[in-house]
Every structure is written in structure tokens, then in C-alpha cells.
Amino acid sequence: MFSLTRLYEWFRGNETLLLGLGGLSVVMFFATLIAVPFVVARIPTDYFIREHKPQRQTPRTPSQLFWLVIKNVAGMILLVAGLAMLVLPGQGVLTMLLGIMLMNFPGKYELERRIIRQPTVLKALNWMRTRANRPELIVDLPSATDEAIKDGQ
């Protein structure tokens, strides 16, 4: 049964864990404040309107495979950190988008386009790009016909 006494005892017994998680949260908050705008400024302006993404070649050397794994692990870390930032301080949705952009998986490009089409996300990214003296991202917003098809009409 849940009681405040048991909760207090759990907190007292896990002080090191809680301090570590709190410290990690603070570090991730400041890291995303620096890293997210840096990465957003480097996204090609036409990235989200390219009809077909260039096909990635399979790694041919051990070093290519190593960097592919590192890139995907970094993407997973950013995705998980972004999910945590939905309830913790930080730029959750933007961090998740950057994590997704780093990873390789089927349907990734369409997922990126769905996220970037959200007005608040696009506005935040373009604000960061303007502050970095970069042109705004070009996004093909869904038309009324696209929305009707998606809604099954």
C-alpha cells in the first residue's frame, strides 16, 4: 500500500541516485541549450522538401560501420533525452527531432516531415536559424487535399 512514510524512506535510501539524476538533468538542460541551436543552424534549408533522400550506402569498412553505430547510438540518446525533457526542463520535441535525424530506420524521413510540419516546431527551428543568421527552413506544408485524404474523406 502507498504511504508517504514509505515514499520518504525510499527517497532517503536512494539519495545518491536522485542527486545523480538531478545533476544529469541540469547537464542535459544546458547541453541542449548549446547543442540544439548549433545543429539546427546546420540543417540544409531544403532538407524537408527533398523528394527522395539519397540512398545511404552500406558501410564497407570497419571505420564506416563504427561511425554508423556511434551516430545511431547518439540519436537514440537524444531521442530518450528528448522524451525525458517532455517532463523535465529542456527542449524535448526539438531534441527528439534531432535524435531522429541522426538515426537510420525505415520511414524516418516521413516522420521528420510530420514533426517539422507542426507550426510550433517549425517556428522554434526558424527562430533559432534566424538568430544564427541562416535562412528559414523550406517546408511543404500539407494542403487541404492531403489533410482530407489523411482523414479518410
Protein backbone atom coordinates (compact mmCIF):
# COMPACT_ATOMS: atom_id res chain seq x y z
CA MET A 1 0.00 0.00 0.00
CA PHE A 2 1.22 3.50 -0.84
CA SER A 3 2.09 5.79 2.05
CA LEU A 4 4.05 8.98 2.45
CA THR A 5 6.27 7.30 5.01
CA ARG A 6 7.33 4.59 2.54
CA LEU A 7 7.92 7.22 -0.16
CA TYR A 8 10.07 9.28 2.21
CA GLU A 9 12.04 6.17 3.18
CA TRP A 10 12.61 5.34 -0.50
CA PHE A 11 13.90 8.87 -1.16
CA ARG A 12 16.20 8.65 1.87
CA GLY A 13 17.51 5.28 0.71
CA ASN A 14 18.18 6.49 -2.85
CA GLU A 15 19.68 9.94 -2.28
CA THR A 16 22.70 9.23 -4.48
CA LEU A 17 20.50 8.08 -7.37
CA LEU A 18 18.25 11.12 -7.06
CA LEU A 19 21.21 13.52 -6.87
CA GLY A 20 22.75 11.85 -9.92
CA LEU A 21 19.52 12.12 -11.90
CA GLY A 22 19.11 15.74 -10.86
CA GLY A 23 22.67 16.54 -11.91
CA LEU A 24 22.19 14.74 -15.22
CA SER A 25 19.00 16.72 -15.81
CA VAL A 26 20.84 20.01 -15.26
CA VAL A 27 23.72 18.96 -17.53
CA MET A 28 21.32 17.84 -20.30
CA PHE A 29 19.36 21.09 -19.98
CA PHE A 30 22.45 23.24 -20.57
CA ALA A 31 23.86 20.87 -23.20
CA THR A 32 20.67 21.12 -25.25
CA LEU A 33 20.62 24.90 -24.90
CA ILE A 34 24.01 24.91 -26.65
CA ALA A 35 23.83 21.90 -28.97
CA VAL A 36 20.31 22.17 -30.37
CA PRO A 37 20.71 25.66 -31.91
CA PHE A 38 24.17 24.69 -33.21
CA VAL A 39 22.79 21.64 -35.02
CA VAL A 40 19.59 23.35 -36.21
CA ALA A 41 21.64 26.08 -37.88
CA ARG A 42 23.42 23.41 -39.93
CA ILE A 43 20.31 21.70 -41.34
CA PRO A 44 20.22 22.36 -45.11
CA THR A 45 17.47 24.86 -45.95
CA ASP A 46 15.78 22.46 -48.39
CA TYR A 47 16.20 19.31 -46.25
CA PHE A 48 12.45 18.86 -45.66
CA ILE A 49 11.31 19.37 -49.27
CA ARG A 50 13.67 16.97 -50.99
CA GLU A 51 11.51 14.47 -52.80
CA HIS A 52 13.84 11.49 -52.38
CA LYS A 53 16.56 11.24 -49.84
CA PRO A 54 19.85 9.97 -51.26
CA GLN A 55 20.23 6.28 -50.61
CA ARG A 56 22.78 5.59 -47.93
CA GLN A 57 25.35 3.04 -48.86
CA THR A 58 26.02 0.15 -46.53
CA PRO A 59 29.26 0.55 -44.60
CA ARG A 60 32.17 -1.02 -46.44
CA THR A 61 34.90 -0.63 -43.86
CA PRO A 62 35.03 -1.22 -40.11
CA SER A 63 35.50 2.52 -39.51
CA GLN A 64 32.35 3.35 -41.52
CA LEU A 65 30.41 0.77 -39.52
CA PHE A 66 31.84 2.20 -36.28
CA TRP A 67 30.70 5.74 -37.13
CA LEU A 68 27.29 4.50 -38.25
CA VAL A 69 26.82 2.76 -34.89
CA ILE A 70 28.06 5.84 -32.99
CA LYS A 71 25.68 8.09 -34.95
CA ASN A 72 22.70 5.82 -34.26
CA VAL A 73 23.56 5.47 -30.56
CA ALA A 74 23.87 9.27 -30.28
CA GLY A 75 20.47 9.57 -31.97
CA MET A 76 18.93 7.12 -29.51
CA ILE A 77 20.42 9.03 -26.57
CA LEU A 78 18.99 12.30 -27.91
CA LEU A 79 15.61 10.67 -28.51
CA VAL A 80 15.45 9.29 -24.96
CA ALA A 81 16.71 12.60 -23.53
CA GLY A 82 14.07 14.44 -25.56
CA LEU A 83 11.36 12.16 -24.20
CA ALA A 84 12.59 12.86 -20.67
CA MET A 85 12.62 16.60 -21.43
CA LEU A 86 8.91 16.48 -22.12
CA VAL A 87 8.54 16.42 -18.32
CA LEU A 88 11.95 17.77 -17.30
CA PRO A 89 13.50 21.13 -18.23
CA GLY A 90 14.78 21.28 -21.80
CA GLN A 91 13.76 21.39 -25.44
CA GLY A 92 12.09 17.99 -25.62
CA VAL A 93 10.47 17.94 -29.06
CA LEU A 94 13.44 19.60 -30.75
CA THR A 95 15.88 17.21 -29.08
CA MET A 96 13.74 14.26 -30.17
CA LEU A 97 13.69 15.58 -33.75
CA LEU A 98 17.49 15.86 -33.80
CA GLY A 99 17.80 12.34 -32.40
CA ILE A 100 15.52 11.01 -35.12
CA MET A 101 17.51 12.87 -37.77
CA LEU A 102 20.69 11.12 -36.62
CA MET A 103 19.25 7.61 -36.66
CA ASN A 104 18.71 5.31 -39.62
CA PHE A 105 15.41 3.45 -39.85
CA PRO A 106 12.67 2.89 -42.44
CA GLY A 107 10.14 5.73 -42.61
CA LYS A 108 12.47 8.18 -40.88
CA TYR A 109 12.14 10.92 -43.49
CA GLU A 110 8.33 10.94 -43.39
CA LEU A 111 8.40 11.05 -39.58
CA GLU A 112 10.77 14.03 -39.70
CA ARG A 113 8.47 15.81 -42.15
CA ARG A 114 5.42 15.19 -39.94
CA ILE A 115 7.20 16.64 -36.93
CA ILE A 116 8.56 19.70 -38.77
CA ARG A 117 5.09 20.48 -40.14
CA GLN A 118 3.91 21.23 -36.61
CA PRO A 119 3.67 25.04 -36.53
CA THR A 120 5.28 25.41 -33.10
CA VAL A 121 8.22 23.18 -34.05
CA LEU A 122 8.82 24.98 -37.36
CA LYS A 123 8.55 28.37 -35.68
CA ALA A 124 11.09 27.38 -32.99
CA LEU A 125 13.56 25.98 -35.54
CA ASN A 126 13.28 29.03 -37.79
CA TRP A 127 13.72 31.34 -34.79
CA MET A 128 16.99 29.55 -33.96
CA ARG A 129 18.12 29.76 -37.58
CA THR A 130 17.32 33.49 -37.74
CA ARG A 131 19.41 34.09 -34.61
CA ALA A 132 22.28 32.20 -36.32
CA ASN A 133 21.89 34.33 -39.49
CA ARG A 134 20.72 31.33 -41.51
CA PRO A 135 17.73 31.30 -43.88
CA GLU A 136 14.48 29.75 -42.68
CA LEU A 137 13.77 26.11 -43.47
CA ILE A 138 11.63 25.48 -46.54
CA VAL A 139 8.78 23.12 -45.68
CA ASP A 140 5.99 21.94 -47.94
CA LEU A 141 3.03 22.26 -45.63
CA PRO A 142 0.23 19.74 -46.22
CA SER A 143 -2.53 21.01 -48.48
CA ALA A 144 -6.25 20.73 -47.72
CA THR A 145 -6.39 17.77 -50.15
CA ASP A 146 -3.61 15.98 -48.23
CA GLU A 147 -5.47 16.54 -44.96
CA ALA A 148 -8.77 15.22 -46.42
CA ILE A 149 -7.03 12.08 -47.71
CA LYS A 150 -5.35 11.56 -44.33
CA ASP A 151 -8.71 11.94 -42.54
CA GLY A 152 -10.25 9.35 -44.89
CA GLN A 153 -12.60 11.70 -46.71
